[in-house]
Amino acid sequence: MIISVRHTAIVVSNLEKSKFFYESIGFCVFASSVEKGGTIDQVTGMDGVILEWVKLKSIDGFVLELLQYHSHEDTPCCSVIPPNRLGYSHMAITVNNIYDSCEKIISLGGRVINKPSISKDGKVKLVYCYDIEGALLEIVEEL
């Protein structure tokens, strides 16, 4: 049934800030637009939608879509989403150097949850962190 994974999307409150964050950790913008009425109202099931989006690619072609609803703003239920919350959990990103990546994320306003750990099988170092809007990221360095 599945042909491919098209993209992963994150709803953000400030598109420019989030775009800057993800560009700063290595994603590249390749498309952006504003959509309203018609199709986007039908897809979302909401009336009067004004939605701005930007699509970014990682070096391996993974597509991340950032969405900002200008017409139907939401307020977060909590400052960050706990790792065990049902539903969407996290996006995992492979990096060259986990410590440099953690420093970069902190410098951009994100937050690292724990110190990097080596997996049981010894193949990777990994750490959970939050982006600037509280989306959970898993940063992985292959050993």
C-alpha atoms as a PDB file:
ATOM      1  CA  MET A   1       0.000   0.000   0.000  1.00  0.00           C
ATOM      2  CA  ILE A   2       2.676   2.605   0.947  1.00  0.00           C
ATOM      3  CA  ILE A   3       4.838   3.826  -1.912  1.00  0.00           C
ATOM      4  CA  SER A   4       7.001   6.240   0.120  1.00  0.00           C
ATOM      5  CA  VAL A   5       7.002   8.586   3.087  1.00  0.00           C
ATOM      6  CA  ARG A   6       6.274  12.066   1.720  1.00  0.00           C
ATOM      7  CA  HIS A   7       7.112  14.328   4.661  1.00  0.00           C
ATOM      8  CA  THR A   8       6.704  14.979   8.368  1.00  0.00           C
ATOM      9  CA  ALA A   9       4.997  18.207   9.464  1.00  0.00           C
ATOM     10  CA  ILE A  10       5.243  20.264  12.633  1.00  0.00           C
ATOM     11  CA  VAL A  11       2.785  23.043  13.486  1.00  0.00           C
ATOM     12  CA  VAL A  12       4.672  26.044  14.850  1.00  0.00           C
ATOM     13  CA  SER A  13       3.693  29.419  16.283  1.00  0.00           C
ATOM     14  CA  ASN A  14       6.496  31.357  14.588  1.00  0.00           C
ATOM     15  CA  LEU A  15       7.403  30.086  11.127  1.00  0.00           C
ATOM     16  CA  GLU A  16      10.411  32.355  10.636  1.00  0.00           C
ATOM     17  CA  LYS A  17      12.016  31.396  13.956  1.00  0.00           C
ATOM     18  CA  SER A  18      11.421  27.678  13.390  1.00  0.00           C
ATOM     19  CA  LYS A  19      12.674  27.881   9.802  1.00  0.00           C
ATOM     20  CA  PHE A  20      15.862  29.560  11.063  1.00  0.00           C
ATOM     21  CA  PHE A  21      16.291  26.843  13.719  1.00  0.00           C
ATOM     22  CA  TYR A  22      15.999  23.976  11.232  1.00  0.00           C
ATOM     23  CA  GLU A  23      18.146  25.702   8.599  1.00  0.00           C
ATOM     24  CA  SER A  24      20.797  26.250  11.283  1.00  0.00           C
ATOM     25  CA  ILE A  25      20.977  22.523  12.058  1.00  0.00           C
ATOM     26  CA  GLY A  26      21.331  21.567   8.397  1.00  0.00           C
ATOM     27  CA  PHE A  27      17.958  21.562   6.628  1.00  0.00           C
ATOM     28  CA  CYS A  28      17.570  23.533   3.371  1.00  0.00           C
ATOM     29  CA  VAL A  29      14.377  25.293   2.278  1.00  0.00           C
ATOM     30  CA  PHE A  30      13.085  24.208  -1.118  1.00  0.00           C
ATOM     31  CA  ALA A  31       9.474  25.437  -1.177  1.00  0.00           C
ATOM     32  CA  SER A  32       7.055  27.714   0.658  1.00  0.00           C
ATOM     33  CA  SER A  33       3.550  29.037   0.188  1.00  0.00           C
ATOM     34  CA  VAL A  34       0.430  30.443   1.790  1.00  0.00           C
ATOM     35  CA  GLU A  35      -2.817  28.529   1.303  1.00  0.00           C
ATOM     36  CA  LYS A  36      -6.353  29.635   2.070  1.00  0.00           C
ATOM     37  CA  GLY A  37      -9.916  28.560   1.399  1.00  0.00           C
ATOM     38  CA  GLY A  38     -11.142  25.734  -0.837  1.00  0.00           C
ATOM     39  CA  THR A  39      -8.870  22.718  -0.688  1.00  0.00           C
ATOM     40  CA  ILE A  40      -7.067  23.584   2.551  1.00  0.00           C
ATOM     41  CA  ASP A  41     -10.409  24.182   4.304  1.00  0.00           C
ATOM     42  CA  GLN A  42     -11.592  20.788   3.075  1.00  0.00           C
ATOM     43  CA  VAL A  43      -8.383  18.945   3.999  1.00  0.00           C
ATOM     44  CA  THR A  44      -8.217  20.398   7.526  1.00  0.00           C
ATOM     45  CA  GLY A  45     -11.965  20.302   8.145  1.00  0.00           C
ATOM     46  CA  MET A  46     -11.886  23.950   9.274  1.00  0.00           C
ATOM     47  CA  ASP A  47     -13.429  27.023   7.654  1.00  0.00           C
ATOM     48  CA  GLY A  48     -11.476  30.132   6.716  1.00  0.00           C
ATOM     49  CA  VAL A  49      -8.009  28.608   7.019  1.00  0.00           C
ATOM     50  CA  ILE A  50      -4.991  30.747   6.239  1.00  0.00           C
ATOM     51  CA  LEU A  51      -1.971  28.455   6.425  1.00  0.00           C
ATOM     52  CA  GLU A  52       1.643  29.335   5.661  1.00  0.00           C
ATOM     53  CA  TRP A  53       4.127  26.526   5.156  1.00  0.00           C
ATOM     54  CA  VAL A  54       7.749  25.939   4.325  1.00  0.00           C
ATOM     55  CA  LYS A  55       9.299  22.647   3.213  1.00  0.00           C
ATOM     56  CA  LEU A  56      12.889  21.814   4.096  1.00  0.00           C
ATOM     57  CA  LYS A  57      15.098  18.897   3.051  1.00  0.00           C
ATOM     58  CA  SER A  58      17.873  17.135   4.877  1.00  0.00           C
ATOM     59  CA  ILE A  59      20.991  16.095   2.992  1.00  0.00           C
ATOM     60  CA  ASP A  60      19.533  12.590   2.433  1.00  0.00           C
ATOM     61  CA  GLY A  61      16.255  13.933   1.002  1.00  0.00           C
ATOM     62  CA  PHE A  62      14.006  13.681   4.077  1.00  0.00           C
ATOM     63  CA  VAL A  63      11.336  16.405   3.909  1.00  0.00           C
ATOM     64  CA  LEU A  64      10.239  18.392   6.952  1.00  0.00           C
ATOM     65  CA  GLU A  65       7.236  20.696   6.595  1.00  0.00           C
ATOM     66  CA  LEU A  66       6.709  23.541   9.048  1.00  0.00           C
ATOM     67  CA  LEU A  67       3.141  24.889   9.253  1.00  0.00           C
ATOM     68  CA  GLN A  68       1.846  28.106  10.781  1.00  0.00           C
ATOM     69  CA  TYR A  69      -1.913  28.643  10.984  1.00  0.00           C
ATOM     70  CA  HIS A  70      -2.517  32.396  10.793  1.00  0.00           C
ATOM     71  CA  SER A  71      -6.300  32.010  10.997  1.00  0.00           C
ATOM     72  CA  HIS A  72      -6.667  29.369  13.697  1.00  0.00           C
ATOM     73  CA  GLU A  73      -3.860  29.883  16.186  1.00  0.00           C
ATOM     74  CA  ASP A  74      -3.545  27.323  18.952  1.00  0.00           C
ATOM     75  CA  THR A  75      -2.007  27.606  22.382  1.00  0.00           C
ATOM     76  CA  PRO A  76       0.183  24.756  23.539  1.00  0.00           C
ATOM     77  CA  CYS A  77      -1.246  22.544  26.278  1.00  0.00           C
ATOM     78  CA  CYS A  78       2.133  22.432  27.975  1.00  0.00           C
ATOM     79  CA  SER A  79       5.550  23.973  27.425  1.00  0.00           C
ATOM     80  CA  VAL A  80       7.014  20.729  26.064  1.00  0.00           C
ATOM     81  CA  ILE A  81       5.579  17.386  25.036  1.00  0.00           C
ATOM     82  CA  PRO A  82       6.717  14.529  27.296  1.00  0.00           C
ATOM     83  CA  PRO A  83       8.468  11.646  25.499  1.00  0.00           C
ATOM     84  CA  ASN A  84       5.788   9.130  26.563  1.00  0.00           C
ATOM     85  CA  ARG A  85       2.748  11.111  25.282  1.00  0.00           C
ATOM     86  CA  LEU A  86       0.495   9.064  23.014  1.00  0.00           C
ATOM     87  CA  GLY A  87       0.622  10.023  19.351  1.00  0.00           C
ATOM     88  CA  TYR A  88       3.490  11.686  17.536  1.00  0.00           C
ATOM     89  CA  SER A  89       6.644  11.194  19.572  1.00  0.00           C
ATOM     90  CA  HIS A  90       9.743  12.564  17.917  1.00  0.00           C
ATOM     91  CA  MET A  91      11.791  13.006  14.779  1.00  0.00           C
ATOM     92  CA  ALA A  92      15.217  11.328  14.795  1.00  0.00           C
ATOM     93  CA  ILE A  93      18.113  13.078  13.058  1.00  0.00           C
ATOM     94  CA  THR A  94      21.518  11.540  12.352  1.00  0.00           C
ATOM     95  CA  VAL A  95      24.439  13.926  12.887  1.00  0.00           C
ATOM     96  CA  ASN A  96      28.235  13.838  12.551  1.00  0.00           C
ATOM     97  CA  ASN A  97      28.968  15.027  16.093  1.00  0.00           C
ATOM     98  CA  ILE A  98      26.340  14.738  18.820  1.00  0.00           C
ATOM     99  CA  TYR A  99      28.087  17.140  21.218  1.00  0.00           C
ATOM    100  CA  ASP A 100      28.439  19.892  18.609  1.00  0.00           C
ATOM    101  CA  SER A 101      24.803  19.351  17.628  1.00  0.00           C
ATOM    102  CA  CYS A 102      23.627  19.656  21.244  1.00  0.00           C
ATOM    103  CA  GLU A 103      25.587  22.895  21.662  1.00  0.00           C
ATOM    104  CA  LYS A 104      24.063  24.257  18.445  1.00  0.00           C
ATOM    105  CA  ILE A 105      20.533  23.342  19.532  1.00  0.00           C
ATOM    106  CA  ILE A 106      21.045  25.056  22.898  1.00  0.00           C
ATOM    107  CA  SER A 107      22.534  28.152  21.233  1.00  0.00           C
ATOM    108  CA  LEU A 108      19.443  28.392  19.006  1.00  0.00           C
ATOM    109  CA  GLY A 109      17.054  28.285  21.980  1.00  0.00           C
ATOM    110  CA  GLY A 110      16.352  24.543  22.106  1.00  0.00           C
ATOM    111  CA  ARG A 111      16.838  22.358  25.167  1.00  0.00           C
ATOM    112  CA  VAL A 112      18.724  19.099  25.693  1.00  0.00           C
ATOM    113  CA  ILE A 113      16.959  16.657  28.046  1.00  0.00           C
ATOM    114  CA  ASN A 114      19.846  14.413  29.034  1.00  0.00           C
ATOM    115  CA  LYS A 115      23.505  13.710  28.348  1.00  0.00           C
ATOM    116  CA  PRO A 116      24.221  11.660  25.203  1.00  0.00           C
ATOM    117  CA  SER A 117      24.164   7.913  25.883  1.00  0.00           C
ATOM    118  CA  ILE A 118      25.550   4.950  23.981  1.00  0.00           C
ATOM    119  CA  SER A 119      22.914   2.443  22.828  1.00  0.00           C
ATOM    120  CA  LYS A 120      22.901  -1.089  24.264  1.00  0.00           C
ATOM    121  CA  ASP A 121      24.319  -2.493  21.036  1.00  0.00           C
ATOM    122  CA  GLY A 122      27.102   0.130  21.029  1.00  0.00           C
ATOM    123  CA  LYS A 123      26.268   1.307  17.514  1.00  0.00           C
ATOM    124  CA  VAL A 124      25.076   4.855  18.253  1.00  0.00           C
ATOM    125  CA  LYS A 125      25.168   7.734  20.722  1.00  0.00           C
ATOM    126  CA  LEU A 126      21.776   9.357  21.212  1.00  0.00           C
ATOM    127  CA  VAL A 127      20.105  12.162  23.086  1.00  0.00           C
ATOM    128  CA  TYR A 128      16.603  13.641  23.293  1.00  0.00           C
ATOM    129  CA  CYS A 129      16.138  17.379  22.996  1.00  0.00           C
ATOM    130  CA  TYR A 130      13.444  19.946  22.227  1.00  0.00           C
ATOM    131  CA  ASP A 131      13.411  22.431  19.374  1.00  0.00           C
ATOM    132  CA  ILE A 132      12.485  26.056  20.072  1.00  0.00           C
ATOM    133  CA  GLU A 133       8.742  25.289  20.045  1.00  0.00           C
ATOM    134  CA  GLY A 134       8.907  22.152  22.216  1.00  0.00           C
ATOM    135  CA  ALA A 135       8.887  19.493  19.467  1.00  0.00           C
ATOM    136  CA  LEU A 136      10.863  16.444  20.580  1.00  0.00           C
ATOM    137  CA  LEU A 137      13.958  15.529  18.549  1.00  0.00           C
ATOM    138  CA  GLU A 138      16.225  12.498  18.878  1.00  0.00           C
ATOM    139  CA  ILE A 139      19.790  13.314  17.880  1.00  0.00           C
ATOM    140  CA  VAL A 140      21.810  10.259  16.833  1.00  0.00           C
ATOM    141  CA  GLU A 141      25.508   9.855  16.061  1.00  0.00           C
ATOM    142  CA  GLU A 142      26.517   6.555  14.451  1.00  0.00           C
ATOM    143  CA  LEU A 143      29.672   5.047  15.972  1.00  0.00           C
END
